[in-house]
Structures are given as C-alpha cells and as structure tokens.
Amino acid sequence: MKFRLSTLLCMIFALFLVSAFPLAAGGKKKKAEPRAMLEKMEAVPCGAKQRGLAGLGTIWASVGVTHVNSDEKLCPQYLLRTDEMEYHIRPTDSKHPVVLPVGQEVVFKIKKDRMFVKVPEGDNKTRTYRVVAMNPTTPDTSAQETSGRSSEKP
C-alpha cells in the first residue's frame, strides 16, 4: 500500500509539472505585422536620361556639335493604404524595379524613410521602397470641430 501511495504521489507531481511547463514556455507572442492594400501603381517622372555630347560642353560647342538626346525616365510609384494612412512609395532599386501585384494585401515595416514590403501570397521576398508621401486616410474630425467653433462669435 505504501508503494502505491508513493507512486501515485509521483504521478500527480509529474502531471503537475507537465501541465505547468507549456504555460511557462508560451512567453512572448510575436507582434502582428502591419498589413496594407496595394491600391494602384502609376508611372511618375523621376529623372532624365541624357545621351549625347552635353558633358563635353564648351569644347564641342566651339566646333558646333551640341546635339543631346534626353528622354524622361519613368519610375513606378505605388499607393499603399492602411486603415489610418496612405503611403506613396517608390522602389529603391530604380534600375530593376519589381512590379508588385495591385489589389493584393502586403505586409510592411517602416524604418526612417524606408519601407520594407513583402507580398505573402507572392514570392514572399522583402523589398525596400522609399516613402515619398504620407497622408492620413480619414481627416481628423476633432480638428474640424474646433476650427468651426473658433470662427463663431458669441
């Protein structure tokens, strides 16, 4: 009987330890990454490509050769919309920009003026973009109310 009682106590203690271990191992949960919707893409001018003899300047101008071919360079600019903000972003790799799927949800992270974007349903690679503009999605209603009250005279 004494053997059974000590075995039973050991089993209860072991069960207690096993049930307490997963609770302690849970620890910190990873923060949910912010998500946004890729609303649209547009081609915007971001510089000019120049070909010709413009760099040689005065030497060629004295001879009469001043022909320069210049084409306007277009870069993709995306509109990312969250619940609170709209972000206008351009790829940092301007020579080989990757076209993102418009209308899909993306995961992003912002550090300074850079945005790191990842398309979970796509190739799941993180790409770097430059934030060109930020606008609030909905105008602040409390700011409008206070400005309306200050203009009224009692």
Protein backbone atom coordinates (compact mmCIF):
# COMPACT_ATOMS: atom_id res chain seq x y z
CA MET A 1 0.00 0.00 0.00
CA LYS A 2 2.88 2.32 0.82
CA PHE A 3 4.41 1.62 -2.62
CA ARG A 4 1.16 2.52 -4.38
CA LEU A 5 0.79 5.78 -2.45
CA SER A 6 4.31 7.00 -3.29
CA THR A 7 3.84 6.01 -6.95
CA LEU A 8 0.54 7.88 -7.03
CA LEU A 9 2.14 10.99 -5.49
CA CYS A 10 4.99 10.86 -8.03
CA MET A 11 2.48 10.55 -10.88
CA ILE A 12 0.47 13.53 -9.62
CA PHE A 13 3.64 15.63 -9.22
CA ALA A 14 4.81 14.66 -12.75
CA LEU A 15 1.39 15.55 -14.17
CA PHE A 16 1.56 18.91 -12.39
CA LEU A 17 5.00 19.64 -13.87
CA VAL A 18 3.98 18.60 -17.38
CA SER A 19 0.83 20.73 -17.30
CA ALA A 20 2.71 23.78 -15.95
CA PHE A 21 5.57 23.60 -18.47
CA PRO A 22 3.63 24.59 -21.64
CA LEU A 23 2.16 27.58 -19.84
CA ALA A 24 5.59 28.89 -18.90
CA ALA A 25 7.07 28.14 -22.34
CA GLY A 26 4.49 30.34 -24.14
CA GLY A 27 6.35 33.50 -23.19
CA LYS A 28 6.18 36.44 -25.59
CA LYS A 29 3.98 36.43 -28.63
CA LYS A 30 5.30 37.90 -31.84
CA LYS A 31 3.69 41.20 -32.80
CA ALA A 32 1.35 41.09 -35.74
CA GLU A 33 2.99 42.80 -38.72
CA PRO A 34 1.03 45.74 -40.14
CA ARG A 35 -0.80 44.99 -43.36
CA ALA A 36 -1.82 47.28 -46.20
CA MET A 37 -3.62 47.06 -49.52
CA LEU A 38 -1.78 47.89 -52.76
CA GLU A 39 -4.32 50.23 -54.31
CA LYS A 40 -2.66 51.41 -57.52
CA MET A 41 0.57 51.83 -59.44
CA GLU A 42 1.41 54.79 -61.63
CA ALA A 43 4.45 55.79 -63.66
CA VAL A 44 5.86 59.10 -62.47
CA PRO A 45 8.83 61.09 -63.81
CA CYS A 46 11.89 60.57 -61.63
CA GLY A 47 14.76 61.94 -63.71
CA ALA A 48 16.09 62.23 -67.23
CA LYS A 49 18.40 60.00 -69.24
CA GLN A 50 20.81 62.06 -71.30
CA ARG A 51 22.75 60.77 -74.24
CA GLY A 52 24.99 62.83 -76.45
CA LEU A 53 27.73 65.37 -76.09
CA ALA A 54 26.36 67.60 -73.33
CA GLY A 55 29.08 66.67 -70.83
CA LEU A 56 31.90 67.92 -73.02
CA GLY A 57 30.34 71.38 -73.06
CA THR A 58 32.47 74.21 -74.34
CA ILE A 59 34.90 72.09 -76.37
CA TRP A 60 32.16 70.70 -78.62
CA ALA A 61 30.14 73.92 -78.59
CA SER A 62 33.04 75.75 -80.21
CA VAL A 63 33.00 73.17 -83.02
CA GLY A 64 29.20 73.42 -83.35
CA VAL A 65 28.25 69.96 -82.03
CA THR A 66 25.62 70.43 -79.32
CA HIS A 67 23.13 67.60 -80.01
CA VAL A 68 21.70 65.93 -76.86
CA ASN A 69 19.05 63.19 -76.73
CA SER A 70 17.14 63.31 -73.45
CA ASP A 71 14.29 61.01 -72.54
CA GLU A 72 12.19 61.41 -69.44
CA LYS A 73 12.76 58.47 -67.09
CA LEU A 74 9.62 56.99 -65.50
CA CYS A 75 9.58 55.14 -62.19
CA PRO A 76 6.77 53.07 -60.67
CA GLN A 77 5.05 54.65 -57.69
CA TYR A 78 2.62 52.66 -55.56
CA LEU A 79 -0.20 53.71 -53.27
CA LEU A 80 -0.39 51.57 -50.12
CA ARG A 81 -3.49 52.13 -47.99
CA THR A 82 -3.90 51.11 -44.35
CA ASP A 83 -6.79 51.92 -42.03
CA GLU A 84 -5.08 55.09 -40.82
CA MET A 85 -2.61 56.18 -43.53
CA GLU A 86 -1.90 56.29 -47.25
CA TYR A 87 1.73 55.77 -48.28
CA HIS A 88 3.19 56.70 -51.68
CA ILE A 89 6.31 54.59 -52.22
CA ARG A 90 8.94 54.13 -54.94
CA PRO A 91 11.44 51.26 -55.27
CA THR A 92 14.99 52.00 -54.17
CA ASP A 93 16.32 49.76 -56.97
CA SER A 94 15.42 52.09 -59.85
CA LYS A 95 17.30 50.08 -62.49
CA HIS A 96 15.45 46.79 -61.94
CA PRO A 97 12.18 47.51 -60.12
CA VAL A 98 9.92 44.54 -59.43
CA VAL A 99 6.25 45.02 -60.33
CA LEU A 100 4.04 44.37 -57.31
CA PRO A 101 0.54 42.84 -57.71
CA VAL A 102 -2.00 45.65 -57.42
CA GLY A 103 -5.10 44.76 -55.41
CA GLN A 104 -3.28 42.34 -53.08
CA GLU A 105 -2.55 42.66 -49.40
CA VAL A 106 1.07 43.23 -48.36
CA VAL A 107 2.97 43.15 -45.07
CA PHE A 108 5.24 46.12 -44.36
CA LYS A 109 7.67 47.60 -41.86
CA ILE A 110 8.81 51.24 -41.73
CA LYS A 111 12.25 52.43 -40.62
CA LYS A 112 13.04 56.12 -41.13
CA ASP A 113 12.16 56.94 -44.76
CA ARG A 114 12.34 53.31 -45.95
CA MET A 115 9.52 50.81 -46.16
CA PHE A 116 10.20 47.08 -46.29
CA VAL A 117 7.38 45.39 -48.22
CA LYS A 118 6.63 41.68 -48.51
CA VAL A 119 3.84 40.04 -50.55
CA PRO A 120 2.78 36.92 -48.58
CA GLU A 121 0.80 35.41 -51.48
CA GLY A 122 3.62 36.11 -53.95
CA ASP A 123 7.30 35.22 -53.75
CA ASN A 124 7.47 36.25 -50.05
CA LYS A 125 10.66 38.31 -50.56
CA THR A 126 11.19 41.54 -48.64
CA ARG A 127 11.93 44.51 -50.88
CA THR A 128 12.97 48.05 -49.96
CA TYR A 129 11.00 51.12 -51.03
CA ARG A 130 11.41 54.83 -50.37
CA VAL A 131 8.43 56.62 -48.78
CA VAL A 132 7.67 59.66 -50.94
CA ALA A 133 4.49 60.88 -49.24
CA MET A 134 2.24 60.03 -46.29
CA ASN A 135 -1.36 61.20 -45.94
CA PRO A 136 -3.98 60.33 -43.32
CA THR A 137 -6.79 58.22 -44.76
CA THR A 138 -9.61 59.98 -42.92
CA PRO A 139 -9.41 63.65 -41.94
CA ASP A 140 -9.37 64.32 -38.21
CA THR A 141 -12.93 65.23 -37.23
CA SER A 142 -11.95 66.80 -33.89
CA ALA A 143 -9.70 69.31 -35.70
CA GLN A 144 -12.59 70.31 -37.95
CA GLU A 145 -14.94 70.77 -34.99
CA THR A 146 -12.53 73.00 -33.10
CA SER A 147 -11.84 75.14 -36.15
CA GLY A 148 -15.59 75.59 -36.70
CA ARG A 149 -16.16 76.74 -33.10
CA SER A 150 -13.32 79.26 -33.11
CA SER A 151 -14.74 81.12 -36.11
CA GLU A 152 -18.14 81.67 -34.47
CA LYS A 153 -18.64 84.83 -32.42
CA PRO A 154 -20.67 84.73 -29.15
